[in-house]
Amino acid sequence: MADVDVWASLIGLCSGMALFLYSIKITSGSLQTIAGEKLKNVLAKLTGNRIMGVAVGAGITALIQSSTATSVMAVGFVNAGLMNLYQALWVIMGANIGTNITAQLIAFDVGAFAPIVALLGTFFCLLTKDKKLRSIGEAVAGLGFIFVAMSLMKESMAPLSEMDIVKEIFSSINNPFVGIIVGIIFVIIIQSSAAGVGVLQAMAMSASGAQLISLDQAMFIIFGLNIGTCVTAVFASIGGSRNATRAGMLHMMFNVIGTAIFTVAYYVLPVAKWVSALSPNDVARQFANMHLVFNLASTIILLPFGKLIVKLVKLMVPDKGGDKDGVQYLKYLNPNMISSKSQVGTEVLIRALCNETSRMLVMAGNNVQMSIEAVLENNEKKQQTIYETEEYVDYLNKEISYYISHALVFEMSEKEAVAMSALFKITGNIERMGDHAINISGYAELLEKKGLKLSEKARAEVSQMVKTTSDAYNLLLGSKPGSVHIRMAQMEQKIDDLTDDYREHQLERLKSGTCSGDACVIYSEMLTDFERLGDHMLNIAEAAAESNLITLKVPEEPMTEEKPERKKKAAPAEAKA
């Protein structure tokens, strides 16, 4: 009979845990839907100083009930170039504070009213067709089912907690390091530190739960839960930029350092007694308070040492060679941004696409200038750089197009859809700019191969082409999208006028015999490419003007709280003209 009771209790415990984890997931997902894209934009923008960053991180996590979601968003923003590592650290610190809301709510033990709350939320979901209202109903129902699940786990644990083998298992968790490891393993399995604390609280609220696990044991499991919950953010950073990887590691380092501080404090100060004194007769509340004290105190202690934490993470994740080593890579995009579980939002994805497109434009623009300069001075090393950069431009075009095509399946506003379409046009025109650079570079090789030289007047015209394309290209990168197409139209007309003038000058030189026929043919082809370059740059400007979400301004190195180090030499492929 006892065996039957044990199995029934185990089944009840597993059922309660399954319902508990699913309810937390439903509640968090619904709250994120209610919050919408605007909340993600707030997170990306309102993190200018450490206090504001912590406050925003805590507030958003309290609203969406998921520190993991907030941390993953921060990683995505760092990868997209919208947030630097210092801002990400403040947000992550705040997220750790905001995640305590769930544990504090659970400690109220309102199991008697939970079924009513769950039923009301369920009816609300069934009776409304509005997506926003349905999400509100799901959030209310999820919250109710969380308490139903807690009651189920509490009742199931009561007979189990009386078994000698269960008491022996929990009494063996008397070593801080064992408790931390148990917490890490447990949260990796259930993917939620709040849920882990909830399970501990269910143990505390069971019939003999106070005897099953003490605060001294639970506190180290809680520390382990906080470390283990960082795994998702670390995984989200895989495949992204080095700074995105560092952002994922920041979450881990913050909790590891916090755990180290509290472990030392445990042997020096009566931490558990102080926390117990806050609610002496409520063990479940003690667990929730320990979770809160750990995260709040860790933030207060480590907030002044943000620079040191960032430096430590940079040492752990050093810069990679990138362009300097000829490695083709995406700097602002990563596969997580177009996954169905992406936390960054469509508007942030568009910003990342814009930044990556700007990189592509920088490379193509430099290639155009180098190719025209090659006509004046054929340099074998420069020719090789032109061909290598063209391969990089083609790579970026293919990858950016891939991200745009996959992003189009997401639900987005009309404004965002227009921006995606415009970016597709822009990348296509940039790629064709690269093709013209290769054409012009080929003319330089042909002149060298045939032993031909342009006349001094023609060379002066080529020098003017270099300056004009540089002005047009810098105009694209430095102007606001709303006005760039007007100024670019004027520049494109200037290129057309120069092309017409140069053709007339060419005919005059041909008639006077100061230019050979073969050289004139090559120069004529070059003028055609010069004219078409102006057309493509105008197309880019007009496409950028279609949406106020698009900017082609070259992303600056993220500002930090310390002076940025100056690079001795910029990578050739990304040097600004």
Protein backbone atom coordinates (compact mmCIF):
# COMPACT_ATOMS: atom_id res chain seq x y z
CA MET A 1 0.00 0.00 0.00
CA ALA A 2 2.86 2.29 0.86
CA ASP A 3 4.37 1.64 -2.54
CA VAL A 4 1.09 2.61 -4.20
CA ASP A 5 1.03 5.85 -2.20
CA VAL A 6 4.62 6.60 -3.21
CA TRP A 7 3.91 6.05 -6.90
CA ALA A 8 0.73 8.11 -6.68
CA SER A 9 2.70 10.88 -4.99
CA LEU A 10 5.44 10.75 -7.63
CA ILE A 11 2.88 10.92 -10.44
CA GLY A 12 1.15 13.83 -8.70
CA LEU A 13 4.50 15.58 -8.22
CA CYS A 14 5.47 15.14 -11.89
CA SER A 15 2.02 16.31 -13.01
CA GLY A 16 2.22 19.36 -10.80
CA MET A 17 5.73 20.21 -12.00
CA ALA A 18 4.70 19.80 -15.66
CA LEU A 19 1.69 22.08 -15.14
CA PHE A 20 3.84 24.55 -13.19
CA LEU A 21 6.53 24.84 -15.90
CA TYR A 22 3.97 25.07 -18.69
CA SER A 23 1.98 27.72 -16.81
CA ILE A 24 5.09 29.86 -16.30
CA LYS A 25 5.89 29.54 -20.01
CA ILE A 26 2.34 30.49 -21.04
CA THR A 27 2.25 33.44 -18.63
CA SER A 28 5.63 34.75 -19.76
CA GLY A 29 4.82 34.33 -23.46
CA SER A 30 1.45 36.05 -23.10
CA LEU A 31 2.94 38.96 -21.18
CA GLN A 32 5.60 39.39 -23.89
CA THR A 33 2.84 39.47 -26.53
CA ILE A 34 0.92 42.08 -24.53
CA ALA A 35 4.07 44.15 -24.11
CA GLY A 36 4.69 44.06 -27.87
CA GLU A 37 7.57 45.42 -29.93
CA LYS A 38 7.51 48.83 -28.21
CA LEU A 39 8.81 47.28 -24.99
CA LYS A 40 11.84 45.94 -26.87
CA ASN A 41 12.50 49.39 -28.30
CA VAL A 42 12.36 50.85 -24.79
CA LEU A 43 14.95 48.30 -23.68
CA ALA A 44 17.21 49.24 -26.60
CA LYS A 45 16.96 53.00 -26.02
CA LEU A 46 16.53 53.75 -22.29
CA THR A 47 19.81 52.28 -21.06
CA GLY A 48 22.03 55.36 -21.19
CA ASN A 49 23.38 55.11 -17.62
CA ARG A 50 23.78 52.29 -15.13
CA ILE A 51 20.88 53.23 -12.84
CA MET A 52 18.47 53.60 -15.76
CA GLY A 53 19.76 50.38 -17.31
CA VAL A 54 19.16 48.41 -14.09
CA ALA A 55 15.71 49.99 -13.67
CA VAL A 56 14.67 49.23 -17.27
CA GLY A 57 15.99 45.65 -17.04
CA ALA A 58 14.14 45.06 -13.76
CA GLY A 59 10.92 46.69 -14.96
CA ILE A 60 10.74 44.79 -18.24
CA THR A 61 11.56 41.48 -16.57
CA ALA A 62 8.86 42.10 -13.96
CA LEU A 63 6.38 42.74 -16.78
CA ILE A 64 7.24 39.74 -18.97
CA GLN A 65 8.20 37.43 -16.07
CA SER A 66 11.35 36.10 -17.72
CA SER A 67 14.91 37.19 -16.97
CA THR A 68 16.07 34.80 -19.69
CA ALA A 69 13.97 36.61 -22.31
CA THR A 70 15.36 39.99 -21.21
CA SER A 71 18.94 38.69 -21.27
CA VAL A 72 18.48 37.14 -24.71
CA MET A 73 17.08 40.47 -25.94
CA ALA A 74 20.14 42.26 -24.55
CA VAL A 75 22.44 39.81 -26.36
CA GLY A 76 20.52 40.43 -29.60
CA PHE A 77 20.76 44.21 -29.17
CA VAL A 78 24.52 44.02 -28.58
CA ASN A 79 24.86 41.87 -31.70
CA ALA A 80 22.79 44.38 -33.71
CA GLY A 81 24.99 47.26 -32.57
CA LEU A 82 22.16 48.93 -30.61
CA MET A 83 23.65 48.38 -27.15
CA ASN A 84 27.19 48.20 -25.82
CA LEU A 85 28.51 45.75 -23.23
CA TYR A 86 28.16 48.19 -20.34
CA GLN A 87 24.50 48.81 -21.13
CA ALA A 88 23.92 45.07 -21.49
CA LEU A 89 25.48 44.46 -18.07
CA TRP A 90 23.17 46.99 -16.38
CA VAL A 91 20.11 45.43 -18.08
CA ILE A 92 21.19 41.93 -17.02
CA MET A 93 21.65 43.09 -13.43
CA GLY A 94 18.15 44.56 -13.51
CA ALA A 95 16.72 41.40 -15.08
CA ASN A 96 18.02 39.37 -12.14
CA ILE A 97 16.12 41.67 -9.78
CA GLY A 98 12.90 41.69 -11.82
CA THR A 99 12.71 37.89 -11.96
CA ASN A 100 12.02 37.76 -8.20
CA ILE A 101 8.38 38.80 -8.69
CA THR A 102 7.29 35.21 -9.44
CA ALA A 103 8.81 33.81 -6.24
CA GLN A 104 7.30 36.61 -4.15
CA LEU A 105 3.83 35.96 -5.63
CA ILE A 106 4.09 32.20 -5.06
CA ALA A 107 4.95 32.79 -1.39
CA PHE A 108 1.45 34.22 -0.79
CA ASP A 109 0.03 30.68 -1.09
CA VAL A 110 -3.39 31.63 -2.51
CA GLY A 111 -4.11 28.06 -3.61
CA ALA A 112 -7.78 28.25 -2.55
CA PHE A 113 -8.48 31.05 -5.03
CA ALA A 114 -6.18 29.76 -7.81
CA PRO A 115 -8.81 27.59 -9.60
CA ILE A 116 -11.18 30.57 -9.80
CA VAL A 117 -8.45 32.79 -11.31
CA ALA A 118 -7.50 30.03 -13.78
CA LEU A 119 -11.16 29.50 -14.76
CA LEU A 120 -11.78 33.23 -15.30
CA GLY A 121 -8.69 33.53 -17.49
CA THR A 122 -9.68 30.46 -19.51
CA PHE A 123 -13.21 31.79 -20.13
CA PHE A 124 -11.73 35.13 -21.17
CA CYS A 125 -9.56 33.33 -23.76
CA LEU A 126 -12.53 31.40 -25.14
CA LEU A 127 -14.93 34.34 -25.35
CA THR A 128 -12.73 36.89 -27.12
CA LYS A 129 -11.27 36.90 -30.62
CA ASP A 130 -9.02 39.91 -30.15
CA LYS A 131 -5.39 38.75 -30.03
CA LYS A 132 -4.36 41.26 -27.37
CA LEU A 133 -7.32 40.44 -25.10
CA ARG A 134 -6.75 36.72 -25.58
CA SER A 135 -3.15 37.19 -24.45
CA ILE A 136 -4.41 38.95 -21.31
CA GLY A 137 -6.72 35.99 -20.66
CA GLU A 138 -3.84 33.55 -21.17
CA ALA A 139 -1.66 35.50 -18.73
CA VAL A 140 -4.40 35.46 -16.07
CA ALA A 141 -5.12 31.75 -16.66
CA GLY A 142 -1.41 30.95 -16.57
CA LEU A 143 -1.03 32.77 -13.25
CA GLY A 144 -3.97 30.83 -11.81
CA PHE A 145 -2.59 27.50 -13.01
CA ILE A 146 0.79 28.34 -11.43
CA PHE A 147 -0.90 28.35 -8.01
CA VAL A 148 -2.94 25.23 -8.89
CA ALA A 149 0.31 23.47 -9.78
CA MET A 150 1.93 24.66 -6.55
CA SER A 151 -0.95 23.15 -4.55
CA LEU A 152 -0.64 19.87 -6.46
CA MET A 153 3.12 19.69 -5.86
CA LYS A 154 2.71 20.61 -2.20
CA GLU A 155 0.13 17.84 -1.61
CA SER A 156 2.24 15.27 -3.50
CA MET A 157 5.38 16.11 -1.54
CA ALA A 158 3.74 15.65 1.84
CA PRO A 159 3.94 11.82 1.94
CA LEU A 160 7.29 11.79 0.13
CA SER A 161 8.89 14.14 2.64
CA GLU A 162 8.20 11.64 5.43
CA MET A 163 10.26 8.88 3.75
CA ASP A 164 13.71 8.24 5.25
CA ILE A 165 15.40 7.94 1.83
CA VAL A 166 14.09 11.37 0.76
CA LYS A 167 15.28 12.92 4.03
CA GLU A 168 18.70 11.33 3.53
CA ILE A 169 18.96 12.70 0.00
CA PHE A 170 18.21 16.24 1.08
CA SER A 171 20.34 16.02 4.19
CA SER A 172 23.28 15.12 1.92
CA ILE A 173 22.99 18.57 0.35
CA ASN A 174 24.88 20.10 3.25
CA ASN A 175 27.86 21.28 1.23
CA PRO A 176 27.57 24.68 -0.50
CA PHE A 177 29.25 23.44 -3.64
CA VAL A 178 26.94 20.42 -3.88
CA GLY A 179 23.93 22.72 -3.49
CA ILE A 180 25.20 25.05 -6.24
CA ILE A 181 25.78 22.14 -8.63
CA VAL A 182 22.30 20.72 -7.89
CA GLY A 183 20.79 24.14 -8.65
CA ILE A 184 22.72 24.49 -11.92
CA ILE A 185 21.70 21.02 -13.14
CA PHE A 186 18.08 21.50 -12.11
CA VAL A 187 17.62 24.85 -13.87
CA ILE A 188 19.34 23.61 -17.05
CA ILE A 189 16.66 20.89 -17.15
CA ILE A 190 13.66 23.13 -16.41
CA GLN A 191 15.03 26.33 -18.07
CA SER A 192 13.70 28.76 -15.45
CA SER A 193 15.27 29.98 -12.20
CA ALA A 194 11.88 31.31 -11.05
CA ALA A 195 10.39 27.85 -11.57
CA GLY A 196 13.28 26.32 -9.62
CA VAL A 197 12.65 28.60 -6.67
CA GLY A 198 8.96 27.74 -6.97
CA VAL A 199 9.70 24.02 -6.63
CA LEU A 200 11.78 24.73 -3.51
CA GLN A 201 8.89 26.77 -2.13
CA ALA A 202 6.51 23.88 -2.80
CA MET A 203 8.77 21.69 -0.68
CA ALA A 204 8.65 24.31 2.07
CA MET A 205 4.86 24.53 1.95
CA SER A 206 4.27 20.74 2.01
CA ALA A 207 3.02 19.10 5.19
CA SER A 208 6.48 18.58 6.62
CA GLY A 209 8.33 20.71 4.14
CA ALA A 210 10.05 22.79 6.79
CA GLN A 211 11.90 19.65 7.86
CA LEU A 212 12.63 18.51 4.32
CA ILE A 213 14.94 21.36 3.29
CA SER A 214 16.25 24.27 5.32
CA LEU A 215 17.15 27.78 4.18
CA ASP A 216 20.85 26.98 4.69
CA GLN A 217 20.53 24.20 2.09
CA ALA A 218 18.13 26.02 -0.22
CA MET A 219 20.18 29.20 -0.47
CA PHE A 220 23.03 27.50 -2.34
CA ILE A 221 20.60 25.70 -4.63
CA ILE A 222 19.11 29.14 -5.35
CA PHE A 223 22.59 30.49 -6.17
CA GLY A 224 23.06 27.55 -8.54
CA LEU A 225 19.68 28.28 -10.16
CA ASN A 226 20.86 31.81 -10.94
CA ILE A 227 24.05 30.53 -12.57
CA GLY A 228 22.28 27.82 -14.56
CA THR A 229 19.68 30.21 -15.98
CA CYS A 230 22.49 32.01 -17.86
CA VAL A 231 22.93 29.03 -20.18
CA THR A 232 20.13 30.17 -22.51
CA ALA A 233 21.68 33.63 -22.96
CA VAL A 234 25.09 32.05 -23.64
CA PHE A 235 23.52 29.76 -26.26
CA ALA A 236 21.72 32.76 -27.80
CA SER A 237 25.08 34.48 -28.31
CA ILE A 238 26.58 31.54 -30.24
CA GLY A 239 27.05 32.43 -33.90
CA GLY A 240 26.85 36.16 -33.23
CA SER A 241 29.52 38.83 -32.96
CA ARG A 242 32.27 38.72 -30.35
CA ASN A 243 30.43 41.38 -28.35
CA ALA A 244 27.24 39.28 -28.45
CA THR A 245 29.20 36.31 -27.07
CA ARG A 246 30.62 38.59 -24.39
CA ALA A 247 27.11 39.81 -23.50
CA GLY A 248 26.04 36.22 -22.95
CA MET A 249 29.09 35.65 -20.75
CA LEU A 250 28.35 38.83 -18.74
CA HIS A 251 25.20 37.23 -17.35
CA MET A 252 27.17 34.16 -16.33
CA MET A 253 30.02 36.15 -14.75
CA PHE A 254 27.66 38.38 -12.78
CA ASN A 255 25.97 35.40 -11.13
CA VAL A 256 29.22 33.46 -10.62
CA ILE A 257 30.87 36.44 -8.89
CA GLY A 258 27.71 37.07 -6.85
CA THR A 259 27.66 33.42 -5.78
CA ALA A 260 31.33 33.59 -4.77
CA ILE A 261 30.67 36.70 -2.66
CA PHE A 262 27.68 35.12 -0.89
CA THR A 263 29.50 31.82 -0.32
CA VAL A 264 32.31 33.67 1.46
CA ALA A 265 29.76 35.78 3.35
CA TYR A 266 27.98 32.59 4.51
CA TYR A 267 31.07 31.51 6.46
CA VAL A 268 31.67 34.99 7.90
CA LEU A 269 28.19 36.40 8.48
CA PRO A 270 24.87 34.84 9.61
CA VAL A 271 23.24 35.53 6.22
CA ALA A 272 20.62 32.78 6.54
CA LYS A 273 19.57 33.97 10.01
CA TRP A 274 19.19 37.56 8.79
CA VAL A 275 16.98 36.51 5.89
CA SER A 276 14.96 34.14 8.12
CA ALA A 277 14.30 36.99 10.54
CA LEU A 278 12.41 38.87 7.80
CA SER A 279 9.68 36.20 7.84
CA PRO A 280 10.41 33.77 10.73
CA ASN A 281 7.28 31.64 10.35
CA ASP A 282 7.10 31.44 6.55
CA VAL A 283 9.77 29.22 4.97
CA ALA A 284 8.43 29.75 1.44
CA ARG A 285 8.78 33.52 1.88
CA GLN A 286 12.29 33.02 3.25
CA PHE A 287 13.29 31.25 0.01
CA ALA A 288 11.77 34.07 -2.06
CA ASN A 289 13.53 36.67 0.09
CA MET A 290 16.88 34.87 -0.25
CA HIS A 291 16.44 34.93 -4.02
CA LEU A 292 15.71 38.67 -3.86
CA VAL A 293 18.52 39.49 -1.40
CA PHE A 294 21.05 37.59 -3.53
CA ASN A 295 20.20 39.45 -6.73
CA LEU A 296 19.66 42.85 -5.12
CA ALA A 297 22.84 42.73 -3.02
CA SER A 298 24.91 41.36 -5.92
CA THR A 299 23.75 44.27 -8.09
CA ILE A 300 24.53 46.88 -5.43
CA ILE A 301 27.97 45.39 -4.75
CA LEU A 302 28.98 44.86 -8.38
CA LEU A 303 27.41 47.97 -9.93
CA PRO A 304 30.54 50.14 -9.36
CA PHE A 305 32.75 47.42 -10.86
CA GLY A 306 31.09 47.24 -14.29
CA LYS A 307 34.30 48.20 -16.11
CA LEU A 308 36.27 45.43 -14.43
CA ILE A 309 33.62 42.81 -15.23
CA VAL A 310 33.53 43.87 -18.88
CA LYS A 311 37.35 43.78 -19.05
CA LEU A 312 37.36 40.32 -17.53
CA VAL A 313 34.85 39.05 -20.09
CA LYS A 314 36.90 40.63 -22.90
CA LEU A 315 39.92 38.71 -21.68
CA MET A 316 37.87 35.51 -21.66
CA VAL A 317 36.46 36.20 -25.15
CA PRO A 318 39.25 38.00 -27.06
CA ASP A 319 38.79 39.72 -30.41
CA LYS A 320 39.00 37.55 -33.48
CA GLY A 321 40.91 38.43 -36.63
CA GLY A 322 37.88 39.14 -38.79
CA ASP A 323 38.54 41.22 -41.89
CA LYS A 324 42.22 41.60 -41.10
CA ASP A 325 42.67 37.86 -41.55
CA GLY A 326 40.47 37.70 -44.63
CA VAL A 327 37.65 35.99 -42.71
CA GLN A 328 34.19 36.67 -44.10
CA TYR A 329 31.63 37.03 -41.33
CA LEU A 330 28.44 38.82 -40.33
CA LYS A 331 29.09 41.49 -37.72
CA TYR A 332 25.53 42.39 -36.69
CA LEU A 333 23.35 39.44 -37.75
CA ASN A 334 23.09 35.94 -36.33
CA PRO A 335 20.69 33.00 -36.91
CA ASN A 336 18.87 33.54 -33.59
CA MET A 337 17.42 36.78 -34.98
CA ILE A 338 15.31 34.91 -37.54
CA SER A 339 14.35 31.95 -35.39
CA SER A 340 10.71 31.50 -34.40
CA LYS A 341 11.75 32.06 -30.77
CA SER A 342 13.63 35.31 -31.42
CA GLN A 343 13.40 37.86 -28.59
CA VAL A 344 14.89 40.87 -30.38
CA GLY A 345 11.90 41.98 -32.47
CA THR A 346 11.50 42.93 -36.12
CA GLU A 347 12.50 46.58 -35.75
CA VAL A 348 15.77 45.60 -34.08
CA LEU A 349 16.38 43.04 -36.82
CA ILE A 350 15.90 45.82 -39.39
CA ARG A 351 18.49 47.94 -37.56
CA ALA A 352 20.93 45.02 -37.65
CA LEU A 353 20.24 44.57 -41.37
CA CYS A 354 20.88 48.29 -41.92
CA ASN A 355 24.20 48.10 -40.10
CA GLU A 356 25.27 45.05 -42.08
CA THR A 357 24.16 46.74 -45.31
CA SER A 358 26.24 49.80 -44.38
CA ARG A 359 29.27 47.53 -44.02
CA MET A 360 28.57 46.18 -47.49
CA LEU A 361 28.22 49.71 -48.90
CA VAL A 362 31.53 50.78 -47.32
CA MET A 363 33.31 47.86 -48.94
CA ALA A 364 31.70 48.35 -52.35
CA GLY A 365 32.36 52.11 -52.24
CA ASN A 366 36.00 51.62 -51.39
CA ASN A 367 36.30 49.04 -54.12
CA VAL A 368 34.92 51.50 -56.66
CA GLN A 369 37.47 54.12 -55.64
CA MET A 370 40.36 51.68 -55.64
CA SER A 371 39.36 50.41 -59.08
CA ILE A 372 39.30 53.93 -60.56
CA GLU A 373 42.62 54.73 -58.89
CA ALA A 374 44.01 51.53 -60.41
CA VAL A 375 43.49 53.03 -63.85
CA LEU A 376 45.88 55.79 -62.87
CA GLU A 377 48.36 53.53 -61.14
CA ASN A 378 48.08 49.82 -61.79
CA ASN A 379 49.09 48.08 -58.59
CA GLU A 380 49.03 44.27 -58.43
CA LYS A 381 48.44 44.22 -54.67
CA LYS A 382 45.58 46.70 -55.02
CA GLN A 383 44.06 44.58 -57.79
CA GLN A 384 44.13 41.54 -55.50
CA THR A 385 42.44 43.54 -52.73
CA ILE A 386 39.70 44.60 -55.15
CA TYR A 387 38.90 41.00 -56.12
CA GLU A 388 38.97 39.78 -52.49
CA THR A 389 36.69 42.61 -51.36
CA GLU A 390 34.28 41.88 -54.23
CA GLU A 391 33.99 38.30 -52.96
CA TYR A 392 33.22 39.71 -49.50
CA VAL A 393 30.54 42.02 -50.97
CA ASP A 394 28.96 39.05 -52.77
CA TYR A 395 29.03 37.06 -49.52
CA LEU A 396 27.29 39.87 -47.61
CA ASN A 397 24.72 40.29 -50.36
CA LYS A 398 23.86 36.60 -50.23
CA GLU A 399 23.67 36.51 -46.41
CA ILE A 400 21.68 39.74 -46.03
CA SER A 401 19.22 38.58 -48.71
CA TYR A 402 18.86 35.29 -46.86
CA TYR A 403 17.97 37.08 -43.60
CA ILE A 404 15.53 39.42 -45.35
CA SER A 405 13.72 36.56 -47.12
CA HIS A 406 13.39 34.59 -43.87
CA ALA A 407 12.28 37.65 -41.90
CA LEU A 408 9.44 38.30 -44.34
CA VAL A 409 7.52 35.30 -42.97
CA PHE A 410 7.25 37.06 -39.58
CA GLU A 411 4.23 39.09 -38.65
CA MET A 412 5.21 42.73 -39.11
CA SER A 413 3.71 46.17 -39.62
CA GLU A 414 3.34 47.74 -43.04
CA LYS A 415 6.17 50.15 -42.16
CA GLU A 416 8.48 47.24 -41.36
CA ALA A 417 7.50 45.36 -44.53
CA VAL A 418 8.35 48.47 -46.61
CA ALA A 419 11.74 48.68 -44.88
CA MET A 420 12.49 45.02 -45.64
CA SER A 421 11.61 45.50 -49.31
CA ALA A 422 13.75 48.64 -49.50
CA LEU A 423 16.73 46.86 -47.93
CA PHE A 424 16.44 44.12 -50.54
CA LYS A 425 16.64 46.76 -53.32
CA ILE A 426 19.57 48.48 -51.62
CA THR A 427 21.69 45.35 -51.29
CA GLY A 428 21.03 44.47 -54.93
CA ASN A 429 22.26 47.87 -56.08
CA ILE A 430 25.32 47.72 -53.81
CA GLU A 431 26.20 44.33 -55.28
CA ARG A 432 26.00 45.81 -58.79
CA MET A 433 28.27 48.67 -57.67
CA GLY A 434 30.79 45.98 -56.80
CA ASP A 435 30.42 44.48 -60.28
CA HIS A 436 31.23 47.85 -61.87
CA ALA A 437 34.30 48.12 -59.65
CA ILE A 438 35.50 44.80 -61.07
CA ASN A 439 34.81 46.05 -64.59
CA ILE A 440 36.86 49.22 -64.05
CA SER A 441 39.64 47.21 -62.41
CA GLY A 442 39.66 45.03 -65.53
CA TYR A 443 40.20 48.11 -67.71
CA ALA A 444 43.28 48.97 -65.64
CA GLU A 445 44.64 45.47 -66.22
CA LEU A 446 43.84 45.71 -69.93
CA LEU A 447 45.67 49.03 -70.26
CA GLU A 448 48.69 47.51 -68.55
CA LYS A 449 48.55 44.34 -70.64
CA LYS A 450 48.40 46.25 -73.95
CA GLY A 451 50.96 48.78 -72.85
CA LEU A 452 48.51 51.65 -73.27
CA LYS A 453 48.36 54.87 -71.31
CA LEU A 454 45.72 57.53 -70.97
CA SER A 455 46.54 61.08 -71.92
CA GLU A 456 47.24 63.62 -69.18
CA LYS A 457 43.82 65.21 -69.73
CA ALA A 458 42.10 61.82 -69.51
CA ARG A 459 44.03 61.05 -66.32
CA ALA A 460 42.88 64.36 -64.85
CA GLU A 461 39.30 63.37 -65.68
CA VAL A 462 39.81 60.01 -63.97
CA SER A 463 41.06 61.85 -60.87
CA GLN A 464 37.85 63.88 -60.92
CA MET A 465 35.87 60.63 -61.15
CA VAL A 466 37.61 59.42 -57.97
CA LYS A 467 36.62 62.61 -56.14
CA THR A 468 33.04 62.61 -57.46
CA THR A 469 32.34 58.97 -56.57
CA SER A 470 33.87 59.58 -53.14
CA ASP A 471 31.55 62.57 -52.57
CA ALA A 472 28.50 60.59 -53.72
CA TYR A 473 29.43 57.57 -51.64
CA ASN A 474 30.02 59.67 -48.50
CA LEU A 475 26.71 61.40 -49.11
CA LEU A 476 24.94 58.04 -48.95
CA LEU A 477 26.66 57.14 -45.69
CA GLY A 478 26.33 60.49 -43.93
CA SER A 479 22.90 61.87 -44.83
CA LYS A 480 19.51 61.28 -43.28
CA PRO A 481 17.37 58.88 -45.36
CA GLY A 482 14.58 61.45 -45.69
CA SER A 483 16.74 63.93 -47.63
CA VAL A 484 19.50 61.81 -49.14
CA HIS A 485 17.58 60.98 -52.32
CA ILE A 486 17.15 64.69 -53.18
CA ARG A 487 20.85 65.44 -52.73
CA MET A 488 21.81 62.18 -54.42
CA ALA A 489 19.65 63.08 -57.43
CA GLN A 490 21.72 66.25 -57.80
CA MET A 491 24.94 64.25 -57.48
CA GLU A 492 23.73 61.70 -60.04
CA GLN A 493 22.98 64.55 -62.47
CA LYS A 494 26.50 65.86 -61.91
CA ILE A 495 27.90 62.41 -62.78
CA ASP A 496 25.77 62.34 -65.94
CA ASP A 497 26.97 65.82 -66.91
CA LEU A 498 30.61 64.89 -66.29
CA THR A 499 30.16 61.73 -68.36
CA ASP A 500 28.76 63.75 -71.28
CA ASP A 501 31.58 66.30 -71.01
CA TYR A 502 34.25 63.59 -70.84
CA ARG A 503 32.84 61.85 -73.92
CA GLU A 504 33.06 65.11 -75.87
CA HIS A 505 36.63 65.65 -74.65
CA GLN A 506 37.45 62.10 -75.68
CA LEU A 507 36.20 62.71 -79.23
CA GLU A 508 38.27 65.86 -79.45
CA ARG A 509 41.40 64.00 -78.31
CA LEU A 510 40.69 61.21 -80.77
CA LYS A 511 40.37 63.71 -83.64
CA SER A 512 43.54 65.53 -82.64
CA GLY A 513 45.46 62.23 -82.35
CA THR A 514 46.42 62.72 -78.68
CA CYS A 515 44.63 59.48 -77.73
CA SER A 516 44.95 56.05 -79.35
CA GLY A 517 41.88 54.24 -80.64
CA ASP A 518 42.32 51.23 -78.29
CA ALA A 519 42.77 53.46 -75.24
CA CYS A 520 39.67 55.45 -76.27
CA VAL A 521 37.56 52.27 -76.45
CA ILE A 522 38.66 51.25 -72.95
CA TYR A 523 38.08 54.76 -71.60
CA SER A 524 34.63 54.87 -73.19
CA GLU A 525 33.66 51.64 -71.42
CA MET A 526 34.94 53.09 -68.17
CA LEU A 527 32.75 56.17 -68.60
CA THR A 528 29.73 53.88 -69.05
CA ASP A 529 30.51 52.18 -65.74
CA PHE A 530 31.03 55.58 -64.08
CA GLU A 531 27.60 56.74 -65.25
CA ARG A 532 25.89 53.53 -64.11
CA LEU A 533 27.52 53.81 -60.70
CA GLY A 534 25.66 57.10 -60.28
CA ASP A 535 22.40 55.36 -61.23
CA HIS A 536 22.89 52.63 -58.64
CA MET A 537 23.75 55.11 -55.89
CA LEU A 538 20.60 57.09 -56.72
CA ASN A 539 18.58 53.85 -56.57
CA ILE A 540 20.05 53.18 -53.12
CA ALA A 541 19.15 56.67 -51.91
CA GLU A 542 15.59 56.42 -53.23
CA ALA A 543 15.09 53.00 -51.64
CA ALA A 544 16.43 54.33 -48.29
CA ALA A 545 13.94 57.20 -48.47
CA GLU A 546 11.03 54.74 -48.76
CA SER A 547 11.15 53.97 -45.05
CA ASN A 548 12.11 56.07 -42.03
CA LEU A 549 13.35 52.87 -40.38
CA ILE A 550 16.35 52.67 -42.72
CA THR A 551 19.65 54.42 -42.14
CA LEU A 552 22.85 53.84 -44.09
CA LYS A 553 25.05 55.72 -41.66
CA VAL A 554 28.17 53.75 -40.82
CA PRO A 555 27.73 52.27 -37.31
CA GLU A 556 30.16 53.88 -34.92
CA GLU A 557 32.13 51.90 -32.39
CA PRO A 558 29.87 51.67 -29.31
CA MET A 559 30.64 54.30 -26.71
CA THR A 560 31.81 52.97 -23.38
CA GLU A 561 32.47 54.50 -19.98
CA GLU A 562 36.15 54.54 -20.81
CA LYS A 563 37.90 56.13 -23.75
CA PRO A 564 37.80 53.80 -26.75
CA GLU A 565 41.16 52.52 -27.90
CA ARG A 566 42.28 53.87 -31.24
CA LYS A 567 43.21 51.26 -33.79
CA LYS A 568 46.60 51.72 -35.36
CA LYS A 569 45.31 50.82 -38.77
CA ALA A 570 41.77 50.24 -39.96
CA ALA A 571 40.92 47.12 -41.91
CA PRO A 572 41.21 47.99 -45.64
CA ALA A 573 37.83 46.53 -46.51
CA GLU A 574 35.98 48.73 -44.00
CA ALA A 575 37.94 51.98 -44.13
CA LYS A 576 35.69 54.96 -44.69
CA ALA A 577 36.25 56.88 -47.90
